[in-house]
Amino acid sequence: MVESTNKGQPVLNDSIGFAQDASLMSLIADETLVYASKVKKTNMFDWTQERTLAITTDQIYNINKKSTKRQIEIKHIGGMTKTVWPSKCTNEFTVHVPTEYDYRFVSEK
């Protein structure tokens, strides 16, 4: 859930210093950063890869090192689900994109 200020602007949650890195900020151009964190992306073979997940007011970005691997416009997201107990991996969530393919992530945050 994204909190907002009194003026309706989202509050930045940046646990990795994304906003202080000019090369990373250039990837999101003039969009407003809302959230940034390290996550593990799970691919179709169940392999995990460390990525940076950046969420702006317009898009979700999957970033590997200093390059964008995929970006999804918020308006194309059909929903999100979170794995809950009794599953062994309760820190997993999935971003559902009806017009493309879903994205599975694991996050400690």
Protein backbone atom coordinates (compact mmCIF):
# COMPACT_ATOMS: atom_id res chain seq x y z
CA MET A 1 0.00 0.00 0.00
CA VAL A 2 1.32 3.42 -0.90
CA GLU A 3 0.84 6.21 1.59
CA SER A 4 0.21 9.75 0.44
CA THR A 5 0.92 13.21 1.76
CA ASN A 6 -1.73 15.78 2.60
CA LYS A 7 -1.43 17.08 -0.97
CA GLY A 8 -2.14 13.66 -2.50
CA GLN A 9 1.46 12.98 -3.57
CA PRO A 10 2.81 9.49 -2.79
CA VAL A 11 5.42 9.12 -0.05
CA LEU A 12 8.76 7.75 -1.29
CA ASN A 13 9.80 4.33 0.09
CA ASP A 14 13.36 3.85 -1.18
CA SER A 15 15.30 1.34 0.92
CA ILE A 16 18.26 1.10 -1.51
CA GLY A 17 19.15 4.72 -2.32
CA PHE A 18 17.73 4.54 -5.86
CA ALA A 19 16.80 8.23 -5.86
CA GLN A 20 20.42 9.23 -5.11
CA ASP A 21 21.81 7.28 -8.09
CA ALA A 22 21.68 9.49 -11.21
CA SER A 23 22.17 6.58 -13.62
CA LEU A 24 19.23 4.68 -12.10
CA MET A 25 17.03 7.78 -12.00
CA SER A 26 17.73 8.35 -15.70
CA LEU A 27 15.99 5.01 -16.41
CA ILE A 28 12.68 6.37 -15.12
CA ALA A 29 13.08 9.74 -16.89
CA ASP A 30 10.69 12.37 -15.51
CA GLU A 31 8.41 9.96 -13.62
CA THR A 32 7.96 10.22 -9.85
CA LEU A 33 9.64 7.40 -7.93
CA VAL A 34 7.33 5.89 -5.30
CA TYR A 35 9.10 2.67 -4.27
CA ALA A 36 12.48 0.99 -4.85
CA SER A 37 13.83 -2.23 -3.37
CA LYS A 38 15.92 -5.30 -4.12
CA VAL A 39 13.80 -8.35 -4.97
CA LYS A 40 14.24 -11.78 -6.48
CA LYS A 41 12.40 -12.40 -9.73
CA THR A 42 11.33 -15.98 -10.36
CA ASN A 43 11.34 -17.07 -14.00
CA MET A 44 9.32 -19.82 -15.72
CA PHE A 45 11.97 -22.41 -14.80
CA ASP A 46 11.67 -21.46 -11.08
CA TRP A 47 15.14 -19.90 -11.11
CA THR A 48 15.52 -16.69 -9.12
CA GLN A 49 17.47 -13.65 -10.24
CA GLU A 50 18.22 -10.59 -8.12
CA ARG A 51 16.66 -7.44 -9.50
CA THR A 52 15.80 -3.90 -8.50
CA LEU A 53 12.07 -3.26 -8.45
CA ALA A 54 11.21 0.39 -9.01
CA ILE A 55 7.63 1.65 -8.94
CA THR A 56 6.73 5.09 -10.21
CA THR A 57 3.37 6.79 -10.45
CA ASP A 58 3.10 5.44 -14.03
CA GLN A 59 5.03 2.16 -14.31
CA ILE A 60 6.72 -0.79 -12.62
CA TYR A 61 10.35 -1.35 -13.64
CA ASN A 62 12.42 -4.53 -13.46
CA ILE A 63 16.04 -3.36 -13.42
CA ASN A 64 19.14 -5.53 -13.66
CA LYS A 65 22.24 -3.63 -12.58
CA LYS A 66 21.83 -0.36 -14.53
CA SER A 67 19.49 -1.40 -17.36
CA THR A 68 15.74 -1.86 -17.63
CA LYS A 69 14.75 -5.46 -18.39
CA ARG A 70 11.00 -4.80 -18.45
CA GLN A 71 8.62 -2.01 -17.65
CA ILE A 72 4.87 -2.36 -17.20
CA GLU A 73 2.45 0.52 -17.27
CA ILE A 74 0.31 0.59 -14.13
CA LYS A 75 -2.84 0.75 -16.26
CA HIS A 76 -1.97 -2.67 -17.77
CA ILE A 77 -1.78 -4.42 -14.39
CA GLY A 78 -4.81 -6.61 -13.81
CA GLY A 79 -4.05 -7.25 -10.14
CA MET A 80 -1.55 -8.52 -7.62
CA THR A 81 -1.59 -11.55 -5.36
CA LYS A 82 0.50 -12.33 -2.30
CA THR A 83 1.32 -15.82 -1.08
CA VAL A 84 0.15 -16.40 2.50
CA TRP A 85 0.53 -19.05 5.16
CA PRO A 86 0.44 -22.13 5.04
CA SER A 87 2.65 -21.74 1.97
CA LYS A 88 6.38 -22.07 2.67
CA CYS A 89 7.17 -18.84 0.81
CA THR A 90 4.98 -16.14 2.36
CA ASN A 91 7.13 -13.31 1.00
CA GLU A 92 6.26 -14.02 -2.66
CA PHE A 93 3.93 -11.88 -4.74
CA THR A 94 2.79 -11.90 -8.35
CA VAL A 95 2.00 -8.98 -10.63
CA HIS A 96 -0.72 -10.05 -13.08
CA VAL A 97 -0.56 -8.50 -16.55
CA PRO A 98 -3.48 -9.81 -18.67
CA THR A 99 -2.07 -8.52 -21.99
CA GLU A 100 1.40 -10.00 -21.37
CA TYR A 101 2.81 -12.51 -18.88
CA ASP A 102 2.78 -12.40 -15.09
CA TYR A 103 5.76 -11.50 -12.93
CA ARG A 104 6.67 -13.46 -9.77
CA PHE A 105 8.80 -11.79 -7.12
CA VAL A 106 10.13 -12.63 -3.67
CA SER A 107 10.80 -9.74 -1.31
CA GLU A 108 11.91 -9.47 2.31
CA LYS A 109 10.20 -6.05 2.59
